[in-house]
Amino acid sequence: MSTPDRPDPASPPSDPLGLEAVDQQIRINELQAQVEALGMSEGFVNQDTPPEIEEAFLCNVIAYESAPVSTHFEQLETAGVKLPAPEELDDAALHAKLWEVFDALAKLAVFIEHTNHFSDRELYAHLWHDSLREYTACLPPESGWVCHLDLVGSGSEEHTELYMRYYADEETRQRWLQDFPNDVLPPHEDPPFDRDRLLPQPHEQW
């Protein structure tokens, strides 16, 4: 079994004056200034954060905040996906269009979660009228950013009820009751549709 070579203790360090660390701190200071220029506080970075992680994080924040704003609806149309109104499609055409939308969104690094409480028609109508119309930062897929459209993730009472009824496991339900003992949880039900396990996932290559 081979083992990695150990550095020769007699060999001099590659950066004896610590200039790489100085250069990195200069870059971080410049990134902090850019973050502040965007109207944000830099204080959300923990003081104990390693500099390489802080630098990468600040770069990501700037990329997101500086990106053009668009909607997923507009992005899909730009990509050549036609989006007729729900009432213009019969059931078969709507089902096919829905999966065309899933695949096209995945190529844009946009992934939909928690759809099993919707029928195909309800889901397409919700996306067409609501979720796909929301404005968001428009970053290219190669940027590494991934967008999750969680259809029960707003934190509203309605979404919390849907999540607890259809999606939360028993451990999550019990933990919720411990944290919010005055809440009345709905009984668990299996969702009426089985779609989520077939949806494109972020780890897939597109």
N, C-alpha and C. Protein backbone atom coordinates (compact mmCIF):
# COMPACT_ATOMS: atom_id res chain seq x y z
N MET A 1 0.85 -1.19 0.00
CA MET A 1 0.00 0.00 0.00
C MET A 1 0.88 1.23 0.00
N SER A 2 0.65 2.14 -0.93
CA SER A 2 1.45 3.34 -1.01
C SER A 2 0.97 4.36 -0.01
N THR A 3 1.86 5.21 0.43
CA THR A 3 1.51 6.28 1.35
C THR A 3 1.99 7.59 0.76
N PRO A 4 1.30 8.70 1.07
CA PRO A 4 1.73 9.98 0.52
C PRO A 4 3.07 10.39 1.07
N ASP A 5 3.84 11.07 0.23
CA ASP A 5 5.14 11.55 0.68
C ASP A 5 4.96 12.61 1.76
N ARG A 6 5.81 12.55 2.76
CA ARG A 6 5.80 13.57 3.80
C ARG A 6 6.76 14.68 3.40
N PRO A 7 6.40 15.93 3.75
CA PRO A 7 7.30 17.02 3.39
C PRO A 7 8.62 16.88 4.12
N ASP A 8 9.67 17.24 3.46
CA ASP A 8 10.99 17.23 4.06
C ASP A 8 11.08 18.35 5.08
N PRO A 9 11.29 18.02 6.36
CA PRO A 9 11.32 19.06 7.38
C PRO A 9 12.44 20.06 7.14
N ALA A 10 13.43 19.66 6.36
CA ALA A 10 14.54 20.58 6.12
C ALA A 10 14.24 21.55 4.98
N SER A 11 13.18 21.27 4.20
CA SER A 11 12.88 22.14 3.07
C SER A 11 12.21 23.41 3.55
N PRO A 12 12.51 24.54 2.96
CA PRO A 12 11.94 25.80 3.42
C PRO A 12 10.47 25.89 3.07
N PRO A 13 9.66 26.62 3.85
CA PRO A 13 8.24 26.79 3.52
C PRO A 13 8.10 27.53 2.20
N SER A 14 7.01 27.25 1.49
CA SER A 14 6.81 27.84 0.17
C SER A 14 6.52 29.33 0.24
N ASP A 15 6.01 29.80 1.37
CA ASP A 15 5.67 31.22 1.50
C ASP A 15 6.18 31.73 2.85
N PRO A 16 7.52 31.85 3.01
CA PRO A 16 8.09 32.16 4.33
C PRO A 16 7.65 33.50 4.88
N LEU A 17 7.32 34.45 4.03
CA LEU A 17 6.94 35.78 4.52
C LEU A 17 5.42 35.92 4.72
N GLY A 18 4.68 34.86 4.40
CA GLY A 18 3.24 34.92 4.58
C GLY A 18 2.55 35.86 3.61
N LEU A 19 3.13 36.04 2.42
CA LEU A 19 2.56 36.99 1.46
C LEU A 19 1.23 36.50 0.89
N GLU A 20 1.07 35.18 0.78
CA GLU A 20 -0.19 34.65 0.25
C GLU A 20 -1.34 35.02 1.19
N ALA A 21 -1.11 34.92 2.49
CA ALA A 21 -2.14 35.28 3.45
C ALA A 21 -2.45 36.77 3.38
N VAL A 22 -1.41 37.59 3.19
CA VAL A 22 -1.62 39.03 3.07
C VAL A 22 -2.45 39.34 1.82
N ASP A 23 -2.09 38.71 0.69
CA ASP A 23 -2.84 38.92 -0.55
C ASP A 23 -4.30 38.49 -0.38
N GLN A 24 -4.50 37.38 0.30
CA GLN A 24 -5.86 36.90 0.51
C GLN A 24 -6.66 37.88 1.35
N GLN A 25 -6.05 38.42 2.39
CA GLN A 25 -6.76 39.38 3.23
C GLN A 25 -7.10 40.65 2.47
N ILE A 26 -6.19 41.06 1.57
CA ILE A 26 -6.49 42.22 0.72
C ILE A 26 -7.71 41.92 -0.15
N ARG A 27 -7.77 40.70 -0.73
CA ARG A 27 -8.93 40.34 -1.56
C ARG A 27 -10.20 40.34 -0.73
N ILE A 28 -10.10 39.81 0.49
CA ILE A 28 -11.28 39.76 1.36
C ILE A 28 -11.75 41.17 1.69
N ASN A 29 -10.82 42.06 1.99
CA ASN A 29 -11.19 43.44 2.29
C ASN A 29 -11.90 44.08 1.10
N GLU A 30 -11.41 43.81 -0.11
CA GLU A 30 -12.03 44.36 -1.30
C GLU A 30 -13.44 43.78 -1.50
N LEU A 31 -13.58 42.48 -1.23
CA LEU A 31 -14.90 41.85 -1.34
C LEU A 31 -15.86 42.41 -0.30
N GLN A 32 -15.37 42.64 0.91
CA GLN A 32 -16.22 43.23 1.95
C GLN A 32 -16.71 44.61 1.52
N ALA A 33 -15.84 45.38 0.88
CA ALA A 33 -16.24 46.71 0.41
C ALA A 33 -17.31 46.60 -0.67
N GLN A 34 -17.19 45.59 -1.55
CA GLN A 34 -18.20 45.39 -2.59
C GLN A 34 -19.54 45.00 -1.98
N VAL A 35 -19.49 44.14 -0.95
CA VAL A 35 -20.72 43.73 -0.28
C VAL A 35 -21.40 44.94 0.35
N GLU A 36 -20.63 45.79 1.00
CA GLU A 36 -21.20 46.99 1.61
C GLU A 36 -21.75 47.94 0.56
N ALA A 37 -21.09 48.02 -0.60
CA ALA A 37 -21.57 48.88 -1.67
C ALA A 37 -22.91 48.39 -2.24
N LEU A 38 -23.17 47.10 -2.09
CA LEU A 38 -24.45 46.54 -2.52
C LEU A 38 -25.55 46.75 -1.48
N GLY A 39 -25.20 47.44 -0.39
CA GLY A 39 -26.18 47.76 0.64
C GLY A 39 -26.36 46.68 1.68
N MET A 40 -25.38 45.78 1.79
CA MET A 40 -25.47 44.68 2.74
C MET A 40 -24.39 44.83 3.80
N SER A 41 -24.69 44.26 4.95
CA SER A 41 -23.69 44.25 6.02
C SER A 41 -22.81 43.03 5.87
N GLU A 42 -21.52 43.19 6.13
CA GLU A 42 -20.60 42.05 6.04
C GLU A 42 -20.59 41.26 7.34
N GLY A 43 -21.33 41.75 8.34
CA GLY A 43 -21.27 41.13 9.66
C GLY A 43 -21.86 39.74 9.74
N PHE A 44 -22.50 39.24 8.65
CA PHE A 44 -23.07 37.90 8.73
C PHE A 44 -22.01 36.82 8.59
N VAL A 45 -20.74 37.19 8.38
CA VAL A 45 -19.66 36.21 8.33
C VAL A 45 -19.06 36.09 9.73
N ASN A 46 -19.06 34.90 10.27
CA ASN A 46 -18.51 34.66 11.61
C ASN A 46 -17.02 34.99 11.63
N GLN A 47 -16.60 35.63 12.72
CA GLN A 47 -15.20 36.02 12.83
C GLN A 47 -14.25 34.83 12.83
N ASP A 48 -14.74 33.66 13.20
CA ASP A 48 -13.91 32.46 13.24
C ASP A 48 -13.87 31.72 11.91
N THR A 49 -14.55 32.25 10.90
CA THR A 49 -14.58 31.58 9.61
C THR A 49 -13.20 31.59 8.97
N PRO A 50 -12.71 30.43 8.50
CA PRO A 50 -11.41 30.41 7.81
C PRO A 50 -11.42 31.35 6.62
N PRO A 51 -10.31 32.03 6.34
CA PRO A 51 -10.30 33.04 5.27
C PRO A 51 -10.66 32.49 3.90
N GLU A 52 -10.26 31.25 3.59
CA GLU A 52 -10.58 30.71 2.27
C GLU A 52 -12.09 30.51 2.12
N ILE A 53 -12.77 30.15 3.22
CA ILE A 53 -14.21 29.98 3.17
C ILE A 53 -14.90 31.34 3.10
N GLU A 54 -14.39 32.30 3.87
CA GLU A 54 -14.96 33.65 3.83
C GLU A 54 -14.85 34.26 2.44
N GLU A 55 -13.68 34.08 1.81
CA GLU A 55 -13.48 34.64 0.47
C GLU A 55 -14.47 34.03 -0.53
N ALA A 56 -14.60 32.71 -0.50
CA ALA A 56 -15.53 32.04 -1.42
C ALA A 56 -16.96 32.46 -1.15
N PHE A 57 -17.31 32.57 0.14
CA PHE A 57 -18.68 32.96 0.50
C PHE A 57 -18.99 34.37 0.00
N LEU A 58 -18.07 35.32 0.22
CA LEU A 58 -18.29 36.69 -0.22
C LEU A 58 -18.40 36.76 -1.74
N CYS A 59 -17.59 35.97 -2.45
CA CYS A 59 -17.69 35.93 -3.91
C CYS A 59 -19.08 35.47 -4.34
N ASN A 60 -19.60 34.45 -3.66
CA ASN A 60 -20.92 33.94 -4.00
C ASN A 60 -22.01 34.96 -3.72
N VAL A 61 -21.89 35.66 -2.59
CA VAL A 61 -22.88 36.69 -2.24
C VAL A 61 -22.89 37.78 -3.30
N ILE A 62 -21.72 38.23 -3.71
CA ILE A 62 -21.63 39.29 -4.71
C ILE A 62 -22.19 38.81 -6.06
N ALA A 63 -21.87 37.58 -6.43
CA ALA A 63 -22.39 37.04 -7.69
C ALA A 63 -23.91 37.02 -7.68
N TYR A 64 -24.50 36.59 -6.56
CA TYR A 64 -25.95 36.50 -6.46
C TYR A 64 -26.59 37.88 -6.47
N GLU A 65 -26.06 38.78 -5.65
CA GLU A 65 -26.66 40.10 -5.52
C GLU A 65 -26.44 40.96 -6.76
N SER A 66 -25.42 40.66 -7.56
CA SER A 66 -25.12 41.44 -8.75
C SER A 66 -25.78 40.87 -10.01
N ALA A 67 -26.36 39.69 -9.89
CA ALA A 67 -26.92 39.02 -11.06
C ALA A 67 -28.17 39.75 -11.56
N PRO A 68 -28.43 39.69 -12.86
CA PRO A 68 -29.68 40.28 -13.37
C PRO A 68 -30.88 39.55 -12.79
N VAL A 69 -31.98 40.28 -12.68
CA VAL A 69 -33.20 39.73 -12.10
C VAL A 69 -34.16 39.34 -13.22
N SER A 70 -34.73 38.16 -13.08
CA SER A 70 -35.68 37.67 -14.07
C SER A 70 -36.64 36.73 -13.37
N THR A 71 -37.50 36.10 -14.13
CA THR A 71 -38.37 35.05 -13.60
C THR A 71 -38.03 33.74 -14.30
N HIS A 72 -38.34 32.64 -13.65
CA HIS A 72 -38.13 31.35 -14.30
C HIS A 72 -39.04 31.20 -15.53
N PHE A 73 -40.19 31.85 -15.50
CA PHE A 73 -41.08 31.84 -16.66
C PHE A 73 -40.35 32.45 -17.86
N GLU A 74 -39.74 33.62 -17.66
CA GLU A 74 -39.01 34.28 -18.74
C GLU A 74 -37.80 33.45 -19.18
N GLN A 75 -37.11 32.85 -18.22
CA GLN A 75 -35.94 32.03 -18.55
C GLN A 75 -36.34 30.84 -19.42
N LEU A 76 -37.47 30.22 -19.08
CA LEU A 76 -37.93 29.07 -19.86
C LEU A 76 -38.29 29.50 -21.28
N GLU A 77 -39.00 30.61 -21.40
CA GLU A 77 -39.36 31.08 -22.73
C GLU A 77 -38.12 31.43 -23.55
N THR A 78 -37.13 32.04 -22.90
CA THR A 78 -35.88 32.36 -23.59
C THR A 78 -35.18 31.08 -24.06
N ALA A 79 -35.33 30.00 -23.27
CA ALA A 79 -34.73 28.72 -23.64
C ALA A 79 -35.53 27.98 -24.70
N GLY A 80 -36.64 28.57 -25.14
CA GLY A 80 -37.42 27.96 -26.21
C GLY A 80 -38.58 27.10 -25.74
N VAL A 81 -38.89 27.15 -24.46
CA VAL A 81 -40.00 26.36 -23.92
C VAL A 81 -41.28 27.19 -23.99
N LYS A 82 -42.24 26.73 -24.76
CA LYS A 82 -43.52 27.43 -24.83
C LYS A 82 -44.36 27.06 -23.61
N LEU A 83 -45.04 28.06 -23.05
CA LEU A 83 -45.80 27.86 -21.82
C LEU A 83 -47.24 28.31 -22.02
N PRO A 84 -48.04 27.50 -22.69
CA PRO A 84 -49.45 27.87 -22.87
C PRO A 84 -50.19 27.87 -21.54
N ALA A 85 -51.25 28.62 -21.47
CA ALA A 85 -52.07 28.66 -20.25
C ALA A 85 -52.65 27.27 -19.97
N PRO A 86 -52.87 26.93 -18.72
CA PRO A 86 -53.37 25.58 -18.38
C PRO A 86 -54.64 25.20 -19.12
N GLU A 87 -55.56 26.17 -19.27
CA GLU A 87 -56.84 25.85 -19.90
C GLU A 87 -56.72 25.57 -21.39
N GLU A 88 -55.56 25.85 -21.97
CA GLU A 88 -55.35 25.58 -23.39
C GLU A 88 -54.87 24.16 -23.66
N LEU A 89 -54.61 23.39 -22.60
CA LEU A 89 -54.03 22.06 -22.75
C LEU A 89 -55.00 21.00 -22.25
N ASP A 90 -55.15 19.92 -23.02
CA ASP A 90 -55.90 18.78 -22.49
C ASP A 90 -55.00 18.02 -21.52
N ASP A 91 -55.52 17.01 -20.87
CA ASP A 91 -54.78 16.34 -19.80
C ASP A 91 -53.47 15.72 -20.29
N ALA A 92 -53.51 15.07 -21.45
CA ALA A 92 -52.30 14.42 -21.97
C ALA A 92 -51.24 15.46 -22.33
N ALA A 93 -51.65 16.53 -23.00
CA ALA A 93 -50.70 17.57 -23.39
C ALA A 93 -50.15 18.28 -22.17
N LEU A 94 -50.99 18.48 -21.17
CA LEU A 94 -50.54 19.15 -19.95
C LEU A 94 -49.51 18.30 -19.22
N HIS A 95 -49.74 17.00 -19.13
CA HIS A 95 -48.78 16.11 -18.47
C HIS A 95 -47.42 16.17 -19.18
N ALA A 96 -47.44 16.11 -20.51
CA ALA A 96 -46.19 16.17 -21.26
C ALA A 96 -45.51 17.51 -21.07
N LYS A 97 -46.27 18.59 -21.08
CA LYS A 97 -45.70 19.92 -20.90
C LYS A 97 -45.09 20.08 -19.52
N LEU A 98 -45.73 19.50 -18.52
CA LEU A 98 -45.23 19.60 -17.15
C LEU A 98 -43.84 18.97 -17.04
N TRP A 99 -43.66 17.81 -17.63
CA TRP A 99 -42.34 17.16 -17.57
C TRP A 99 -41.32 17.84 -18.46
N GLU A 100 -41.78 18.47 -19.53
CA GLU A 100 -40.86 19.31 -20.31
C GLU A 100 -40.35 20.46 -19.45
N VAL A 101 -41.24 21.04 -18.66
CA VAL A 101 -40.85 22.14 -17.77
C VAL A 101 -39.87 21.65 -16.72
N PHE A 102 -40.13 20.49 -16.11
CA PHE A 102 -39.20 19.95 -15.11
C PHE A 102 -37.79 19.81 -15.69
N ASP A 103 -37.71 19.20 -16.86
CA ASP A 103 -36.40 18.96 -17.47
C ASP A 103 -35.71 20.26 -17.87
N ALA A 104 -36.48 21.21 -18.40
CA ALA A 104 -35.89 22.48 -18.80
C ALA A 104 -35.41 23.27 -17.58
N LEU A 105 -36.17 23.23 -16.50
CA LEU A 105 -35.74 23.92 -15.28
C LEU A 105 -34.46 23.29 -14.74
N ALA A 106 -34.37 21.97 -14.79
CA ALA A 106 -33.16 21.31 -14.28
C ALA A 106 -31.93 21.77 -15.05
N LYS A 107 -32.07 22.01 -16.35
CA LYS A 107 -30.94 22.50 -17.13
C LYS A 107 -30.56 23.92 -16.73
N LEU A 108 -31.49 24.62 -16.10
CA LEU A 108 -31.20 25.95 -15.56
C LEU A 108 -30.79 25.89 -14.09
N ALA A 109 -30.58 24.66 -13.58
CA ALA A 109 -30.23 24.43 -12.17
C ALA A 109 -31.35 24.88 -11.23
N VAL A 110 -32.58 24.63 -11.65
CA VAL A 110 -33.76 24.93 -10.84
C VAL A 110 -34.50 23.62 -10.62
N PHE A 111 -34.78 23.30 -9.35
CA PHE A 111 -35.36 22.00 -9.03
C PHE A 111 -36.58 22.20 -8.13
N ILE A 112 -37.65 21.48 -8.45
CA ILE A 112 -38.92 21.63 -7.74
C ILE A 112 -39.05 20.54 -6.69
N GLU A 113 -39.56 20.91 -5.52
CA GLU A 113 -39.70 19.97 -4.41
C GLU A 113 -41.13 20.01 -3.86
N HIS A 114 -41.55 18.86 -3.32
CA HIS A 114 -42.83 18.73 -2.61
C HIS A 114 -44.01 19.09 -3.52
N THR A 115 -44.23 18.21 -4.49
CA THR A 115 -45.33 18.42 -5.45
C THR A 115 -46.44 17.39 -5.31
N ASN A 116 -46.28 16.41 -4.43
CA ASN A 116 -47.18 15.25 -4.44
C ASN A 116 -48.59 15.54 -3.94
N HIS A 117 -48.83 16.72 -3.41
CA HIS A 117 -50.20 17.07 -3.00
C HIS A 117 -50.97 17.72 -4.15
N PHE A 118 -50.31 17.94 -5.28
CA PHE A 118 -50.95 18.53 -6.45
C PHE A 118 -51.21 17.47 -7.51
N SER A 119 -52.35 17.57 -8.17
CA SER A 119 -52.54 16.83 -9.42
C SER A 119 -51.69 17.51 -10.49
N ASP A 120 -51.53 16.86 -11.64
CA ASP A 120 -50.77 17.48 -12.73
C ASP A 120 -51.34 18.85 -13.09
N ARG A 121 -52.64 18.93 -13.23
CA ARG A 121 -53.26 20.19 -13.64
C ARG A 121 -53.10 21.25 -12.55
N GLU A 122 -53.31 20.86 -11.31
CA GLU A 122 -53.12 21.82 -10.21
C GLU A 122 -51.68 22.32 -10.15
N LEU A 123 -50.74 21.40 -10.36
CA LEU A 123 -49.33 21.78 -10.29
C LEU A 123 -48.95 22.71 -11.43
N TYR A 124 -49.34 22.37 -12.64
CA TYR A 124 -49.00 23.24 -13.78
C TYR A 124 -49.63 24.62 -13.60
N ALA A 125 -50.89 24.65 -13.14
CA ALA A 125 -51.55 25.93 -12.92
C ALA A 125 -50.83 26.74 -11.85
N HIS A 126 -50.39 26.07 -10.78
CA HIS A 126 -49.66 26.77 -9.72
C HIS A 126 -48.35 27.34 -10.26
N LEU A 127 -47.61 26.54 -10.99
CA LEU A 127 -46.35 27.02 -11.56
C LEU A 127 -46.60 28.17 -12.53
N TRP A 128 -47.58 28.01 -13.39
CA TRP A 128 -47.84 28.99 -14.45
C TRP A 128 -48.28 30.33 -13.87
N HIS A 129 -49.15 30.28 -12.84
CA HIS A 129 -49.70 31.51 -12.28
C HIS A 129 -48.84 32.10 -11.16
N ASP A 130 -48.05 31.26 -10.51
CA ASP A 130 -47.43 31.69 -9.25
C ASP A 130 -45.91 31.50 -9.26
N SER A 131 -45.43 30.28 -8.98
CA SER A 131 -44.01 30.07 -8.68
C SER A 131 -43.08 30.51 -9.81
N LEU A 132 -43.46 30.25 -11.05
CA LEU A 132 -42.58 30.62 -12.16
C LEU A 132 -42.60 32.11 -12.45
N ARG A 133 -43.52 32.84 -11.83
CA ARG A 133 -43.64 34.28 -12.07
C ARG A 133 -42.86 35.11 -11.06
N GLU A 134 -42.31 34.46 -10.03
CA GLU A 134 -41.60 35.20 -9.01
C GLU A 134 -40.23 35.65 -9.54
N TYR A 135 -39.87 36.87 -9.19
CA TYR A 135 -38.57 37.40 -9.63
C TYR A 135 -37.45 36.84 -8.77
N THR A 136 -36.34 36.53 -9.42
CA THR A 136 -35.21 35.93 -8.72
C THR A 136 -33.93 36.28 -9.46
N ALA A 137 -32.80 36.11 -8.80
CA ALA A 137 -31.52 36.33 -9.47
C ALA A 137 -31.36 35.30 -10.58
N CYS A 138 -30.87 35.77 -11.71
CA CYS A 138 -30.72 34.91 -12.89
C CYS A 138 -29.24 34.59 -13.08
N LEU A 139 -28.82 33.45 -12.57
CA LEU A 139 -27.42 33.04 -12.67
C LEU A 139 -27.29 31.88 -13.66
N PRO A 140 -26.23 31.86 -14.44
CA PRO A 140 -26.05 30.76 -15.40
C PRO A 140 -25.83 29.45 -14.67
N PRO A 141 -26.24 28.32 -15.26
CA PRO A 141 -26.06 27.01 -14.61
C PRO A 141 -24.62 26.72 -14.22
N GLU A 142 -23.67 27.20 -15.03
CA GLU A 142 -22.27 26.91 -14.72
C GLU A 142 -21.75 27.69 -13.52
N SER A 143 -22.56 28.60 -12.96
CA SER A 143 -22.13 29.36 -11.79
C SER A 143 -22.01 28.49 -10.54
N GLY A 144 -22.68 27.34 -10.56
CA GLY A 144 -22.67 26.48 -9.38
C GLY A 144 -23.86 26.71 -8.45
N TRP A 145 -24.62 27.78 -8.68
CA TRP A 145 -25.80 28.04 -7.87
C TRP A 145 -26.91 27.07 -8.26
N VAL A 146 -27.64 26.60 -7.26
CA VAL A 146 -28.79 25.73 -7.47
C VAL A 146 -30.00 26.37 -6.79
N CYS A 147 -31.09 26.46 -7.51
CA CYS A 147 -32.32 27.04 -6.97
C CYS A 147 -33.31 25.91 -6.66
N HIS A 148 -33.88 25.95 -5.47
CA HIS A 148 -34.90 24.97 -5.07
C HIS A 148 -36.24 25.67 -4.96
N LEU A 149 -37.22 25.22 -5.73
CA LEU A 149 -38.58 25.73 -5.61
C LEU A 149 -39.36 24.77 -4.73
N ASP A 150 -39.43 25.09 -3.45
CA ASP A 150 -40.12 24.25 -2.48
C ASP A 150 -41.57 24.71 -2.41
N LEU A 151 -42.48 23.87 -2.85
CA LEU A 151 -43.87 24.28 -2.97
C LEU A 151 -44.63 24.23 -1.66
N VAL A 152 -43.95 23.87 -0.56
CA VAL A 152 -44.54 24.02 0.77
C VAL A 152 -43.54 24.71 1.70
N GLY A 153 -42.70 25.55 1.12
CA GLY A 153 -41.59 26.09 1.90
C GLY A 153 -41.69 27.55 2.28
N SER A 154 -42.87 28.16 2.17
CA SER A 154 -42.97 29.59 2.45
C SER A 154 -42.98 29.91 3.94
N GLY A 155 -43.28 28.90 4.77
CA GLY A 155 -43.42 29.16 6.20
C GLY A 155 -44.81 29.59 6.61
N SER A 156 -45.74 29.70 5.66
CA SER A 156 -47.11 30.08 5.99
C SER A 156 -47.82 28.95 6.73
N GLU A 157 -48.92 29.28 7.37
CA GLU A 157 -49.70 28.25 8.07
C GLU A 157 -50.17 27.17 7.10
N GLU A 158 -50.59 27.58 5.92
CA GLU A 158 -51.05 26.61 4.93
C GLU A 158 -49.94 25.65 4.54
N HIS A 159 -48.75 26.19 4.26
CA HIS A 159 -47.65 25.33 3.85
C HIS A 159 -47.16 24.45 5.00
N THR A 160 -47.16 24.98 6.22
CA THR A 160 -46.77 24.16 7.36
C THR A 160 -47.74 23.00 7.54
N GLU A 161 -49.02 23.27 7.38
CA GLU A 161 -50.03 22.21 7.50
C GLU A 161 -49.83 21.15 6.42
N LEU A 162 -49.58 21.58 5.20
CA LEU A 162 -49.37 20.62 4.11
C LEU A 162 -48.12 19.79 4.34
N TYR A 163 -47.04 20.44 4.78
CA TYR A 163 -45.80 19.71 5.02
C TYR A 163 -45.99 18.68 6.12
N MET A 164 -46.61 19.09 7.21
CA MET A 164 -46.79 18.16 8.33
C MET A 164 -47.76 17.03 7.98
N ARG A 165 -48.72 17.31 7.16
CA ARG A 165 -49.70 16.28 6.80
C ARG A 165 -49.11 15.26 5.83
N TYR A 166 -48.40 15.74 4.80
CA TYR A 166 -48.02 14.86 3.71
C TYR A 166 -46.53 14.48 3.66
N TYR A 167 -45.66 15.30 4.20
CA TYR A 167 -44.24 15.11 3.93
C TYR A 167 -43.37 14.85 5.15
N ALA A 168 -43.73 15.37 6.30
CA ALA A 168 -42.87 15.24 7.49
C ALA A 168 -42.89 13.81 8.00
N ASP A 169 -41.70 13.30 8.37
CA ASP A 169 -41.67 11.99 8.99
C ASP A 169 -42.06 12.12 10.47
N GLU A 170 -42.22 10.99 11.15
CA GLU A 170 -42.73 11.02 12.51
C GLU A 170 -41.77 11.74 13.45
N GLU A 171 -40.47 11.57 13.23
CA GLU A 171 -39.50 12.26 14.09
C GLU A 171 -39.67 13.77 13.98
N THR A 172 -39.84 14.26 12.75
CA THR A 172 -40.02 15.70 12.54
C THR A 172 -41.32 16.17 13.18
N ARG A 173 -42.37 15.38 13.06
CA ARG A 173 -43.65 15.76 13.65
C ARG A 173 -43.55 15.84 15.17
N GLN A 174 -42.88 14.88 15.78
CA GLN A 174 -42.74 14.89 17.24
C GLN A 174 -41.87 16.04 17.71
N ARG A 175 -40.83 16.34 16.96
CA ARG A 175 -39.97 17.46 17.32
C ARG A 175 -40.74 18.78 17.21
N TRP A 176 -41.60 18.87 16.21
CA TRP A 176 -42.42 20.07 16.07
C TRP A 176 -43.34 20.23 17.28
N LEU A 177 -43.93 19.14 17.72
CA LEU A 177 -44.80 19.21 18.89
C LEU A 177 -44.05 19.61 20.15
N GLN A 178 -42.82 19.16 20.27
CA GLN A 178 -42.01 19.57 21.42
C GLN A 178 -41.71 21.06 21.37
N ASP A 179 -41.43 21.58 20.18
CA ASP A 179 -41.10 22.99 20.05
C ASP A 179 -42.34 23.89 20.11
N PHE A 180 -43.47 23.36 19.64
CA PHE A 180 -44.70 24.15 19.61
C PHE A 180 -45.84 23.32 20.21
N PRO A 181 -45.82 23.13 21.52
CA PRO A 181 -46.78 22.22 22.17
C PRO A 181 -48.24 22.64 22.04
N ASN A 182 -48.49 23.90 21.71
CA ASN A 182 -49.88 24.36 21.59
C ASN A 182 -50.43 24.15 20.18
N ASP A 183 -49.58 23.74 19.26
CA ASP A 183 -50.05 23.50 17.89
C ASP A 183 -50.81 22.18 17.82
N VAL A 184 -51.77 22.14 16.93
CA VAL A 184 -52.51 20.90 16.65
C VAL A 184 -52.07 20.41 15.28
N LEU A 185 -51.34 19.30 15.26
CA LEU A 185 -50.86 18.78 13.98
C LEU A 185 -51.96 18.01 13.26
N PRO A 186 -52.02 18.13 11.95
CA PRO A 186 -52.97 17.30 11.20
C PRO A 186 -52.50 15.86 11.23
N PRO A 187 -53.40 14.90 11.09
CA PRO A 187 -52.97 13.51 11.01
C PRO A 187 -52.13 13.29 9.76
N HIS A 188 -51.18 12.36 9.86
CA HIS A 188 -50.38 12.06 8.67
C HIS A 188 -51.24 11.38 7.62
N GLU A 189 -51.04 11.78 6.37
CA GLU A 189 -51.69 11.13 5.25
C GLU A 189 -50.65 10.91 4.15
N ASP A 190 -50.77 9.82 3.44
CA ASP A 190 -49.94 9.65 2.25
C ASP A 190 -50.43 10.63 1.19
N PRO A 191 -49.53 11.32 0.54
CA PRO A 191 -49.98 12.28 -0.48
C PRO A 191 -50.71 11.56 -1.60
N PRO A 192 -51.63 12.26 -2.24
CA PRO A 192 -52.46 11.61 -3.27
C PRO A 192 -51.73 11.28 -4.56
N PHE A 193 -50.54 11.84 -4.75
CA PHE A 193 -49.81 11.58 -5.99
C PHE A 193 -48.37 11.19 -5.65
N ASP A 194 -47.72 10.51 -6.60
CA ASP A 194 -46.36 9.99 -6.38
C ASP A 194 -45.47 10.47 -7.52
N ARG A 195 -45.00 11.70 -7.37
CA ARG A 195 -44.26 12.34 -8.45
C ARG A 195 -42.84 12.72 -8.04
N ASP A 196 -42.68 13.13 -6.78
CA ASP A 196 -41.42 13.75 -6.36
C ASP A 196 -40.20 12.86 -6.58
N ARG A 197 -40.35 11.55 -6.36
CA ARG A 197 -39.20 10.66 -6.49
C ARG A 197 -38.71 10.54 -7.93
N LEU A 198 -39.53 10.99 -8.88
CA LEU A 198 -39.17 10.91 -10.29
C LEU A 198 -38.63 12.23 -10.84
N LEU A 199 -38.70 13.29 -10.05
CA LEU A 199 -38.27 14.60 -10.53
C LEU A 199 -36.76 14.67 -10.67
N PRO A 200 -36.25 15.49 -11.59
CA PRO A 200 -34.81 15.70 -11.68
C PRO A 200 -34.25 16.19 -10.35
N GLN A 201 -33.05 15.73 -10.03
CA GLN A 201 -32.40 16.09 -8.77
C GLN A 201 -31.09 16.84 -9.06
N PRO A 202 -30.64 17.68 -8.11
CA PRO A 202 -29.45 18.50 -8.37
C PRO A 202 -28.19 17.72 -8.68
N HIS A 203 -28.07 16.48 -8.17
CA HIS A 203 -26.83 15.74 -8.40
C HIS A 203 -26.74 15.18 -9.82
N GLU A 204 -27.86 15.21 -10.56
CA GLU A 204 -27.84 14.71 -11.92
C GLU A 204 -27.11 15.71 -12.82
N GLN A 205 -26.46 15.22 -13.82
CA GLN A 205 -25.74 16.07 -14.76
C GLN A 205 -26.62 16.41 -15.95
N TRP A 206 -26.69 17.70 -16.27
CA TRP A 206 -27.54 18.14 -17.37
C TRP A 206 -26.70 18.92 -18.37
